[in-house]
Amino acid sequence: MSFILFSDSSCNLPCDVIAQHDVRIVPLSYNIAEETYSCYEEGVPFDSKGFFDRLRAGALARTTLINTDTFLRAFEPVGLSNMLDGIATKEKVGRAIL
């Protein structure tokens, strides 16, 4: 059985573990003072010290869910669009039967 591991960047795995297990990371982002930062760049550790230093200094961080485009780009290489098409087709067939 083969599988692919996916996680969002909140998993905080070290870069060597991500590489060793070929984990696919879907990056989250956050905003501080109207500037958007990525929580993950391939091969670059997240600057948690800098992030928490800004919070301690009074900055307000805002987060959001992964947007649809980021989600689709992350899963597209493993055939997500085909899988979603199949699900949508089954749903339409199921509705027609009911």
PDB file of N, CA and C in Angstrom:
ATOM      1  N   MET A   1       0.856  -1.180   0.000  1.00  0.00           N
ATOM      2  CA  MET A   1       0.000   0.000   0.000  1.00  0.00           C
ATOM      3  C   MET A   1       0.894   1.232   0.000  1.00  0.00           C
ATOM      4  N   SER A   2       0.612   2.171  -0.886  1.00  0.00           N
ATOM      5  CA  SER A   2       1.397   3.401  -0.888  1.00  0.00           C
ATOM      6  C   SER A   2       0.500   4.567  -0.494  1.00  0.00           C
ATOM      7  N   PHE A   3       1.121   5.555   0.060  1.00  0.00           N
ATOM      8  CA  PHE A   3       0.383   6.730   0.487  1.00  0.00           C
ATOM      9  C   PHE A   3       1.313   7.930   0.480  1.00  0.00           C
ATOM     10  N   ILE A   4       0.725   9.098   0.524  1.00  0.00           N
ATOM     11  CA  ILE A   4       1.466  10.347   0.583  1.00  0.00           C
ATOM     12  C   ILE A   4       1.004  11.088   1.831  1.00  0.00           C
ATOM     13  N   LEU A   5       1.950  11.541   2.628  1.00  0.00           N
ATOM     14  CA  LEU A   5       1.630  12.300   3.831  1.00  0.00           C
ATOM     15  C   LEU A   5       1.501  13.779   3.498  1.00  0.00           C
ATOM     16  N   PHE A   6       0.401  14.370   3.926  1.00  0.00           N
ATOM     17  CA  PHE A   6       0.181  15.801   3.794  1.00  0.00           C
ATOM     18  C   PHE A   6      -0.037  16.378   5.191  1.00  0.00           C
ATOM     19  N   SER A   7       0.376  17.603   5.389  1.00  0.00           N
ATOM     20  CA  SER A   7       0.064  18.323   6.619  1.00  0.00           C
ATOM     21  C   SER A   7       0.069  19.809   6.297  1.00  0.00           C
ATOM     22  N   ASP A   8      -0.611  20.579   7.124  1.00  0.00           N
ATOM     23  CA  ASP A   8      -0.431  22.020   6.967  1.00  0.00           C
ATOM     24  C   ASP A   8       0.800  22.398   7.788  1.00  0.00           C
ATOM     25  N   SER A   9       1.251  23.611   7.602  1.00  0.00           N
ATOM     26  CA  SER A   9       2.524  24.017   8.205  1.00  0.00           C
ATOM     27  C   SER A   9       2.464  24.174   9.722  1.00  0.00           C
ATOM     28  N   SER A  10       1.296  24.037  10.321  1.00  0.00           N
ATOM     29  CA  SER A  10       1.227  24.127  11.783  1.00  0.00           C
ATOM     30  C   SER A  10       1.798  22.892  12.467  1.00  0.00           C
ATOM     31  N   CYS A  11       2.163  21.863  11.688  1.00  0.00           N
ATOM     32  CA  CYS A  11       2.736  20.658  12.290  1.00  0.00           C
ATOM     33  C   CYS A  11       4.114  20.937  12.892  1.00  0.00           C
ATOM     34  N   ASN A  12       4.788  21.995  12.418  1.00  0.00           N
ATOM     35  CA  ASN A  12       6.099  22.397  12.946  1.00  0.00           C
ATOM     36  C   ASN A  12       7.131  21.279  12.923  1.00  0.00           C
ATOM     37  N   LEU A  13       7.089  20.435  11.900  1.00  0.00           N
ATOM     38  CA  LEU A  13       8.097  19.395  11.760  1.00  0.00           C
ATOM     39  C   LEU A  13       9.422  20.017  11.317  1.00  0.00           C
ATOM     40  N   PRO A  14      10.537  19.498  11.815  1.00  0.00           N
ATOM     41  CA  PRO A  14      11.840  19.982  11.345  1.00  0.00           C
ATOM     42  C   PRO A  14      12.015  19.674   9.851  1.00  0.00           C
ATOM     43  N   CYS A  15      12.762  20.516   9.155  1.00  0.00           N
ATOM     44  CA  CYS A  15      12.956  20.355   7.711  1.00  0.00           C
ATOM     45  C   CYS A  15      13.525  18.989   7.360  1.00  0.00           C
ATOM     46  N   ASP A  16      14.427  18.452   8.185  1.00  0.00           N
ATOM     47  CA  ASP A  16      15.018  17.150   7.865  1.00  0.00           C
ATOM     48  C   ASP A  16      13.981  16.027   7.951  1.00  0.00           C
ATOM     49  N   VAL A  17      13.040  16.119   8.868  1.00  0.00           N
ATOM     50  CA  VAL A  17      11.976  15.108   8.981  1.00  0.00           C
ATOM     51  C   VAL A  17      11.040  15.200   7.782  1.00  0.00           C
ATOM     52  N   ILE A  18      10.712  16.411   7.376  1.00  0.00           N
ATOM     53  CA  ILE A  18       9.853  16.615   6.204  1.00  0.00           C
ATOM     54  C   ILE A  18      10.503  15.983   4.979  1.00  0.00           C
ATOM     55  N   ALA A  19      11.794  16.238   4.799  1.00  0.00           N
ATOM     56  CA  ALA A  19      12.515  15.686   3.648  1.00  0.00           C
ATOM     57  C   ALA A  19      12.642  14.166   3.739  1.00  0.00           C
ATOM     58  N   GLN A  20      12.978  13.670   4.908  1.00  0.00           N
ATOM     59  CA  GLN A  20      13.188  12.232   5.096  1.00  0.00           C
ATOM     60  C   GLN A  20      11.944  11.420   4.762  1.00  0.00           C
ATOM     61  N   HIS A  21      10.774  11.934   5.133  1.00  0.00           N
ATOM     62  CA  HIS A  21       9.524  11.202   4.939  1.00  0.00           C
ATOM     63  C   HIS A  21       8.697  11.737   3.768  1.00  0.00           C
ATOM     64  N   ASP A  22       9.281  12.673   3.015  1.00  0.00           N
ATOM     65  CA  ASP A  22       8.617  13.277   1.857  1.00  0.00           C
ATOM     66  C   ASP A  22       7.209  13.767   2.204  1.00  0.00           C
ATOM     67  N   VAL A  23       7.096  14.475   3.325  1.00  0.00           N
ATOM     68  CA  VAL A  23       5.812  15.036   3.759  1.00  0.00           C
ATOM     69  C   VAL A  23       5.505  16.243   2.881  1.00  0.00           C
ATOM     70  N   ARG A  24       4.312  16.298   2.346  1.00  0.00           N
ATOM     71  CA  ARG A  24       3.875  17.450   1.542  1.00  0.00           C
ATOM     72  C   ARG A  24       3.254  18.466   2.501  1.00  0.00           C
ATOM     73  N   ILE A  25       3.844  19.639   2.563  1.00  0.00           N
ATOM     74  CA  ILE A  25       3.375  20.683   3.476  1.00  0.00           C
ATOM     75  C   ILE A  25       2.543  21.704   2.708  1.00  0.00           C
ATOM     76  N   VAL A  26       1.347  21.956   3.211  1.00  0.00           N
ATOM     77  CA  VAL A  26       0.477  22.990   2.664  1.00  0.00           C
ATOM     78  C   VAL A  26       0.650  24.216   3.565  1.00  0.00           C
ATOM     79  N   PRO A  27       1.196  25.299   3.015  1.00  0.00           N
ATOM     80  CA  PRO A  27       1.557  26.437   3.864  1.00  0.00           C
ATOM     81  C   PRO A  27       0.362  27.253   4.360  1.00  0.00           C
ATOM     82  N   LEU A  28       0.375  27.514   5.644  1.00  0.00           N
ATOM     83  CA  LEU A  28      -0.551  28.483   6.233  1.00  0.00           C
ATOM     84  C   LEU A  28       0.117  29.846   6.167  1.00  0.00           C
ATOM     85  N   SER A  29      -0.649  30.878   6.379  1.00  0.00           N
ATOM     86  CA  SER A  29      -0.068  32.216   6.430  1.00  0.00           C
ATOM     87  C   SER A  29      -0.704  32.981   7.580  1.00  0.00           C
ATOM     88  N   TYR A  30      -0.047  34.071   7.938  1.00  0.00           N
ATOM     89  CA  TYR A  30      -0.572  34.940   8.983  1.00  0.00           C
ATOM     90  C   TYR A  30      -0.260  36.380   8.609  1.00  0.00           C
ATOM     91  N   ASN A  31      -1.015  37.288   9.196  1.00  0.00           N
ATOM     92  CA  ASN A  31      -0.822  38.720   8.961  1.00  0.00           C
ATOM     93  C   ASN A  31      -0.425  39.400  10.255  1.00  0.00           C
ATOM     94  N   ILE A  32       0.538  40.275  10.147  1.00  0.00           N
ATOM     95  CA  ILE A  32       0.908  41.175  11.243  1.00  0.00           C
ATOM     96  C   ILE A  32       1.064  42.556  10.614  1.00  0.00           C
ATOM     97  N   ALA A  33       0.338  43.506  11.145  1.00  0.00           N
ATOM     98  CA  ALA A  33       0.400  44.896  10.653  1.00  0.00           C
ATOM     99  C   ALA A  33       0.207  44.968   9.136  1.00  0.00           C
ATOM    100  N   GLU A  34      -0.834  44.328   8.657  1.00  0.00           N
ATOM    101  CA  GLU A  34      -1.213  44.363   7.241  1.00  0.00           C
ATOM    102  C   GLU A  34      -0.192  43.716   6.302  1.00  0.00           C
ATOM    103  N   GLU A  35       0.794  42.996   6.839  1.00  0.00           N
ATOM    104  CA  GLU A  35       1.756  42.283   6.010  1.00  0.00           C
ATOM    105  C   GLU A  35       1.534  40.781   6.174  1.00  0.00           C
ATOM    106  N   THR A  36       1.540  40.056   5.063  1.00  0.00           N
ATOM    107  CA  THR A  36       1.300  38.617   5.082  1.00  0.00           C
ATOM    108  C   THR A  36       2.619  37.861   5.081  1.00  0.00           C
ATOM    109  N   TYR A  37       2.695  36.867   5.960  1.00  0.00           N
ATOM    110  CA  TYR A  37       3.884  36.026   6.079  1.00  0.00           C
ATOM    111  C   TYR A  37       3.482  34.578   5.878  1.00  0.00           C
ATOM    112  N   SER A  38       4.356  33.817   5.253  1.00  0.00           N
ATOM    113  CA  SER A  38       4.117  32.383   5.082  1.00  0.00           C
ATOM    114  C   SER A  38       4.697  31.650   6.281  1.00  0.00           C
ATOM    115  N   CYS A  39       3.984  30.642   6.733  1.00  0.00           N
ATOM    116  CA  CYS A  39       4.479  29.828   7.851  1.00  0.00           C
ATOM    117  C   CYS A  39       5.395  28.720   7.374  1.00  0.00           C
ATOM    118  N   TYR A  40       5.598  28.613   6.065  1.00  0.00           N
ATOM    119  CA  TYR A  40       6.457  27.533   5.572  1.00  0.00           C
ATOM    120  C   TYR A  40       7.002  27.878   4.204  1.00  0.00           C
ATOM    121  N   GLU A  41       8.302  27.708   4.067  1.00  0.00           N
ATOM    122  CA  GLU A  41       8.964  27.740   2.774  1.00  0.00           C
ATOM    123  C   GLU A  41       9.855  26.514   2.744  1.00  0.00           C
ATOM    124  N   GLU A  42       9.806  25.776   1.660  1.00  0.00           N
ATOM    125  CA  GLU A  42      10.541  24.508   1.594  1.00  0.00           C
ATOM    126  C   GLU A  42      12.016  24.691   1.958  1.00  0.00           C
ATOM    127  N   GLY A  43      12.455  23.900   2.934  1.00  0.00           N
ATOM    128  CA  GLY A  43      13.847  23.913   3.353  1.00  0.00           C
ATOM    129  C   GLY A  43      14.238  25.042   4.287  1.00  0.00           C
ATOM    130  N   VAL A  44      13.280  25.901   4.641  1.00  0.00           N
ATOM    131  CA  VAL A  44      13.580  27.043   5.519  1.00  0.00           C
ATOM    132  C   VAL A  44      12.805  26.873   6.820  1.00  0.00           C
ATOM    133  N   PRO A  45      13.497  26.761   7.951  1.00  0.00           N
ATOM    134  CA  PRO A  45      12.782  26.619   9.226  1.00  0.00           C
ATOM    135  C   PRO A  45      11.952  27.874   9.533  1.00  0.00           C
ATOM    136  N   PHE A  46      10.805  27.666  10.137  1.00  0.00           N
ATOM    137  CA  PHE A  46       9.948  28.784  10.537  1.00  0.00           C
ATOM    138  C   PHE A  46      10.635  29.579  11.641  1.00  0.00           C
ATOM    139  N   ASP A  47      10.634  30.896  11.528  1.00  0.00           N
ATOM    140  CA  ASP A  47      11.273  31.767  12.516  1.00  0.00           C
ATOM    141  C   ASP A  47      10.325  31.982  13.695  1.00  0.00           C
ATOM    142  N   SER A  48      10.181  30.969  14.523  1.00  0.00           N
ATOM    143  CA  SER A  48       9.252  31.060  15.651  1.00  0.00           C
ATOM    144  C   SER A  48       9.701  32.113  16.665  1.00  0.00           C
ATOM    145  N   LYS A  49      11.007  32.260  16.858  1.00  0.00           N
ATOM    146  CA  LYS A  49      11.495  33.267  17.800  1.00  0.00           C
ATOM    147  C   LYS A  49      11.080  34.664  17.342  1.00  0.00           C
ATOM    148  N   GLY A  50      11.294  34.969  16.075  1.00  0.00           N
ATOM    149  CA  GLY A  50      10.897  36.271  15.543  1.00  0.00           C
ATOM    150  C   GLY A  50       9.399  36.496  15.643  1.00  0.00           C
ATOM    151  N   PHE A  51       8.622  35.439  15.347  1.00  0.00           N
ATOM    152  CA  PHE A  51       7.169  35.530  15.422  1.00  0.00           C
ATOM    153  C   PHE A  51       6.725  35.864  16.848  1.00  0.00           C
ATOM    154  N   PHE A  52       7.222  35.099  17.827  1.00  0.00           N
ATOM    155  CA  PHE A  52       6.793  35.323  19.210  1.00  0.00           C
ATOM    156  C   PHE A  52       7.367  36.603  19.800  1.00  0.00           C
ATOM    157  N   ASP A  53       8.543  37.030  19.345  1.00  0.00           N
ATOM    158  CA  ASP A  53       9.078  38.331  19.779  1.00  0.00           C
ATOM    159  C   ASP A  53       8.146  39.458  19.360  1.00  0.00           C
ATOM    160  N   ARG A  54       7.612  39.382  18.133  1.00  0.00           N
ATOM    161  CA  ARG A  54       6.667  40.414  17.672  1.00  0.00           C
ATOM    162  C   ARG A  54       5.379  40.398  18.493  1.00  0.00           C
ATOM    163  N   LEU A  55       4.896  39.199  18.837  1.00  0.00           N
ATOM    164  CA  LEU A  55       3.691  39.114  19.666  1.00  0.00           C
ATOM    165  C   LEU A  55       3.939  39.696  21.052  1.00  0.00           C
ATOM    166  N   ARG A  56       5.091  39.373  21.628  1.00  0.00           N
ATOM    167  CA  ARG A  56       5.422  39.908  22.968  1.00  0.00           C
ATOM    168  C   ARG A  56       5.541  41.424  22.944  1.00  0.00           C
ATOM    169  N   ALA A  57       5.925  41.967  21.790  1.00  0.00           N
ATOM    170  CA  ALA A  57       6.058  43.417  21.641  1.00  0.00           C
ATOM    171  C   ALA A  57       4.713  44.089  21.387  1.00  0.00           C
ATOM    172  N   GLY A  58       3.641  43.288  21.333  1.00  0.00           N
ATOM    173  CA  GLY A  58       2.304  43.859  21.198  1.00  0.00           C
ATOM    174  C   GLY A  58       1.668  43.715  19.839  1.00  0.00           C
ATOM    175  N   ALA A  59       2.357  43.098  18.899  1.00  0.00           N
ATOM    176  CA  ALA A  59       1.769  42.910  17.569  1.00  0.00           C
ATOM    177  C   ALA A  59       0.610  41.918  17.650  1.00  0.00           C
ATOM    178  N   LEU A  60      -0.357  42.115  16.803  1.00  0.00           N
ATOM    179  CA  LEU A  60      -1.512  41.231  16.724  1.00  0.00           C
ATOM    180  C   LEU A  60      -1.384  40.386  15.459  1.00  0.00           C
ATOM    181  N   ALA A  61      -1.362  39.088  15.610  1.00  0.00           N
ATOM    182  CA  ALA A  61      -1.281  38.185  14.459  1.00  0.00           C
ATOM    183  C   ALA A  61      -2.677  37.687  14.120  1.00  0.00           C
ATOM    184  N   ARG A  62      -2.957  37.629  12.844  1.00  0.00           N
ATOM    185  CA  ARG A  62      -4.234  37.109  12.376  1.00  0.00           C
ATOM    186  C   ARG A  62      -3.964  35.977  11.412  1.00  0.00           C
ATOM    187  N   THR A  63      -4.708  34.913  11.580  1.00  0.00           N
ATOM    188  CA  THR A  63      -4.546  33.753  10.709  1.00  0.00           C
ATOM    189  C   THR A  63      -5.826  33.508   9.937  1.00  0.00           C
ATOM    190  N   THR A  64      -5.730  32.639   8.960  1.00  0.00           N
ATOM    191  CA  THR A  64      -6.895  32.284   8.167  1.00  0.00           C
ATOM    192  C   THR A  64      -6.758  30.838   7.726  1.00  0.00           C
ATOM    193  N   LEU A  65      -7.832  30.271   7.258  1.00  0.00           N
ATOM    194  CA  LEU A  65      -7.790  28.929   6.692  1.00  0.00           C
ATOM    195  C   LEU A  65      -7.007  28.945   5.385  1.00  0.00           C
ATOM    196  N   ILE A  66      -6.571  27.784   4.958  1.00  0.00           N
ATOM    197  CA  ILE A  66      -5.922  27.671   3.662  1.00  0.00           C
ATOM    198  C   ILE A  66      -6.952  28.021   2.593  1.00  0.00           C
ATOM    199  N   ASN A  67      -6.576  28.917   1.670  1.00  0.00           N
ATOM    200  CA  ASN A  67      -7.546  29.282   0.647  1.00  0.00           C
ATOM    201  C   ASN A  67      -7.675  28.164  -0.390  1.00  0.00           C
ATOM    202  N   THR A  68      -8.717  28.199  -1.155  1.00  0.00           N
ATOM    203  CA  THR A  68      -9.032  27.135  -2.105  1.00  0.00           C
ATOM    204  C   THR A  68      -7.925  26.933  -3.118  1.00  0.00           C
ATOM    205  N   ASP A  69      -7.364  28.014  -3.634  1.00  0.00           N
ATOM    206  CA  ASP A  69      -6.309  27.908  -4.641  1.00  0.00           C
ATOM    207  C   ASP A  69      -5.084  27.185  -4.080  1.00  0.00           C
ATOM    208  N   THR A  70      -4.663  27.532  -2.874  1.00  0.00           N
ATOM    209  CA  THR A  70      -3.514  26.878  -2.239  1.00  0.00           C
ATOM    210  C   THR A  70      -3.803  25.394  -2.027  1.00  0.00           C
ATOM    211  N   PHE A  71      -4.996  25.081  -1.564  1.00  0.00           N
ATOM    212  CA  PHE A  71      -5.403  23.697  -1.341  1.00  0.00           C
ATOM    213  C   PHE A  71      -5.345  22.895  -2.637  1.00  0.00           C
ATOM    214  N   LEU A  72      -5.937  23.431  -3.691  1.00  0.00           N
ATOM    215  CA  LEU A  72      -5.978  22.716  -4.968  1.00  0.00           C
ATOM    216  C   LEU A  72      -4.580  22.544  -5.556  1.00  0.00           C
ATOM    217  N   ARG A  73      -3.728  23.569  -5.466  1.00  0.00           N
ATOM    218  CA  ARG A  73      -2.364  23.450  -5.972  1.00  0.00           C
ATOM    219  C   ARG A  73      -1.583  22.380  -5.217  1.00  0.00           C
ATOM    220  N   ALA A  74      -1.828  22.245  -3.921  1.00  0.00           N
ATOM    221  CA  ALA A  74      -1.116  21.254  -3.111  1.00  0.00           C
ATOM    222  C   ALA A  74      -1.530  19.830  -3.470  1.00  0.00           C
ATOM    223  N   PHE A  75      -2.802  19.619  -3.710  1.00  0.00           N
ATOM    224  CA  PHE A  75      -3.304  18.269  -3.934  1.00  0.00           C
ATOM    225  C   PHE A  75      -3.437  17.891  -5.414  1.00  0.00           C
ATOM    226  N   GLU A  76      -3.306  18.839  -6.308  1.00  0.00           N
ATOM    227  CA  GLU A  76      -3.450  18.566  -7.733  1.00  0.00           C
ATOM    228  C   GLU A  76      -2.478  17.491  -8.246  1.00  0.00           C
ATOM    229  N   PRO A  77      -1.206  17.490  -7.811  1.00  0.00           N
ATOM    230  CA  PRO A  77      -0.280  16.468  -8.315  1.00  0.00           C
ATOM    231  C   PRO A  77      -0.679  15.028  -7.978  1.00  0.00           C
ATOM    232  N   VAL A  78      -1.532  14.828  -7.009  1.00  0.00           N
ATOM    233  CA  VAL A  78      -1.952  13.467  -6.653  1.00  0.00           C
ATOM    234  C   VAL A  78      -3.357  13.152  -7.168  1.00  0.00           C
ATOM    235  N   GLY A  79      -3.845  13.958  -8.093  1.00  0.00           N
ATOM    236  CA  GLY A  79      -5.100  13.660  -8.752  1.00  0.00           C
ATOM    237  C   GLY A  79      -6.344  14.087  -8.007  1.00  0.00           C
ATOM    238  N   LEU A  80      -6.251  15.125  -7.188  1.00  0.00           N
ATOM    239  CA  LEU A  80      -7.426  15.567  -6.439  1.00  0.00           C
ATOM    240  C   LEU A  80      -8.557  15.983  -7.361  1.00  0.00           C
ATOM    241  N   SER A  81      -8.236  16.660  -8.458  1.00  0.00           N
ATOM    242  CA  SER A  81      -9.315  17.125  -9.330  1.00  0.00           C
ATOM    243  C   SER A  81     -10.093  15.949  -9.896  1.00  0.00           C
ATOM    244  N   ASN A  82      -9.416  14.853 -10.250  1.00  0.00           N
ATOM    245  CA  ASN A  82     -10.125  13.659 -10.731  1.00  0.00           C
ATOM    246  C   ASN A  82     -10.992  13.067  -9.634  1.00  0.00           C
ATOM    247  N   MET A  83     -10.449  13.026  -8.414  1.00  0.00           N
ATOM    248  CA  MET A  83     -11.199  12.479  -7.291  1.00  0.00           C
ATOM    249  C   MET A  83     -12.446  13.338  -7.016  1.00  0.00           C
ATOM    250  N   LEU A  84     -12.285  14.662  -7.039  1.00  0.00           N
ATOM    251  CA  LEU A  84     -13.426  15.552  -6.795  1.00  0.00           C
ATOM    252  C   LEU A  84     -14.460  15.428  -7.895  1.00  0.00           C
ATOM    253  N   ASP A  85     -14.004  15.277  -9.145  1.00  0.00           N
ATOM    254  CA  ASP A  85     -14.948  15.073 -10.248  1.00  0.00           C
ATOM    255  C   ASP A  85     -15.753  13.807 -10.027  1.00  0.00           C
ATOM    256  N   GLY A  86     -15.084  12.738  -9.568  1.00  0.00           N
ATOM    257  CA  GLY A  86     -15.770  11.477  -9.291  1.00  0.00           C
ATOM    258  C   GLY A  86     -16.788  11.619  -8.183  1.00  0.00           C
ATOM    259  N   ILE A  87     -16.430  12.351  -7.142  1.00  0.00           N
ATOM    260  CA  ILE A  87     -17.357  12.569  -6.023  1.00  0.00           C
ATOM    261  C   ILE A  87     -18.570  13.361  -6.498  1.00  0.00           C
ATOM    262  N   ALA A  88     -18.325  14.425  -7.285  1.00  0.00           N
ATOM    263  CA  ALA A  88     -19.423  15.254  -7.779  1.00  0.00           C
ATOM    264  C   ALA A  88     -20.352  14.436  -8.661  1.00  0.00           C
ATOM    265  N   THR A  89     -19.782  13.566  -9.514  1.00  0.00           N
ATOM    266  CA  THR A  89     -20.595  12.730 -10.395  1.00  0.00           C
ATOM    267  C   THR A  89     -21.454  11.772  -9.587  1.00  0.00           C
ATOM    268  N   LYS A  90     -20.868  11.128  -8.580  1.00  0.00           N
ATOM    269  CA  LYS A  90     -21.633  10.209  -7.734  1.00  0.00           C
ATOM    270  C   LYS A  90     -22.754  10.941  -7.014  1.00  0.00           C
ATOM    271  N   GLU A  91     -22.471  12.179  -6.582  1.00  0.00           N
ATOM    272  CA  GLU A  91     -23.499  12.960  -5.890  1.00  0.00           C
ATOM    273  C   GLU A  91     -24.662  13.260  -6.840  1.00  0.00           C
ATOM    274  N   LYS A  92     -24.344  13.644  -8.071  1.00  0.00           N
ATOM    275  CA  LYS A  92     -25.385  13.940  -9.049  1.00  0.00           C
ATOM    276  C   LYS A  92     -26.225  12.700  -9.355  1.00  0.00           C
ATOM    277  N   VAL A  93     -25.562  11.566  -9.503  1.00  0.00           N
ATOM    278  CA  VAL A  93     -26.282  10.305  -9.754  1.00  0.00           C
ATOM    279  C   VAL A  93     -27.184   9.973  -8.574  1.00  0.00           C
ATOM    280  N   GLY A  94     -26.652  10.132  -7.373  1.00  0.00           N
ATOM    281  CA  GLY A  94     -27.443   9.857  -6.164  1.00  0.00           C
ATOM    282  C   GLY A  94     -28.658  10.747  -6.072  1.00  0.00           C
ATOM    283  N   ARG A  95     -28.518  12.012  -6.405  1.00  0.00           N
ATOM    284  CA  ARG A  95     -29.662  12.924  -6.384  1.00  0.00           C
ATOM    285  C   ARG A  95     -30.714  12.530  -7.429  1.00  0.00           C
ATOM    286  N   ALA A  96     -30.236  12.118  -8.605  1.00  0.00           N
ATOM    287  CA  ALA A  96     -31.158  11.723  -9.676  1.00  0.00           C
ATOM    288  C   ALA A  96     -31.976  10.495  -9.261  1.00  0.00           C
ATOM    289  N   ILE A  97     -31.328   9.565  -8.548  1.00  0.00           N
ATOM    290  CA  ILE A  97     -32.019   8.354  -8.112  1.00  0.00           C
ATOM    291  C   ILE A  97     -33.082   8.681  -7.068  1.00  0.00           C
ATOM    292  N   LEU A  98     -32.766   9.625  -6.171  1.00  0.00           N
ATOM    293  CA  LEU A  98     -33.728   9.985  -5.125  1.00  0.00           C
ATOM    294  C   LEU A  98     -34.859  10.777  -5.727  1.00  0.00           C
TER     295      LEU A  98
END
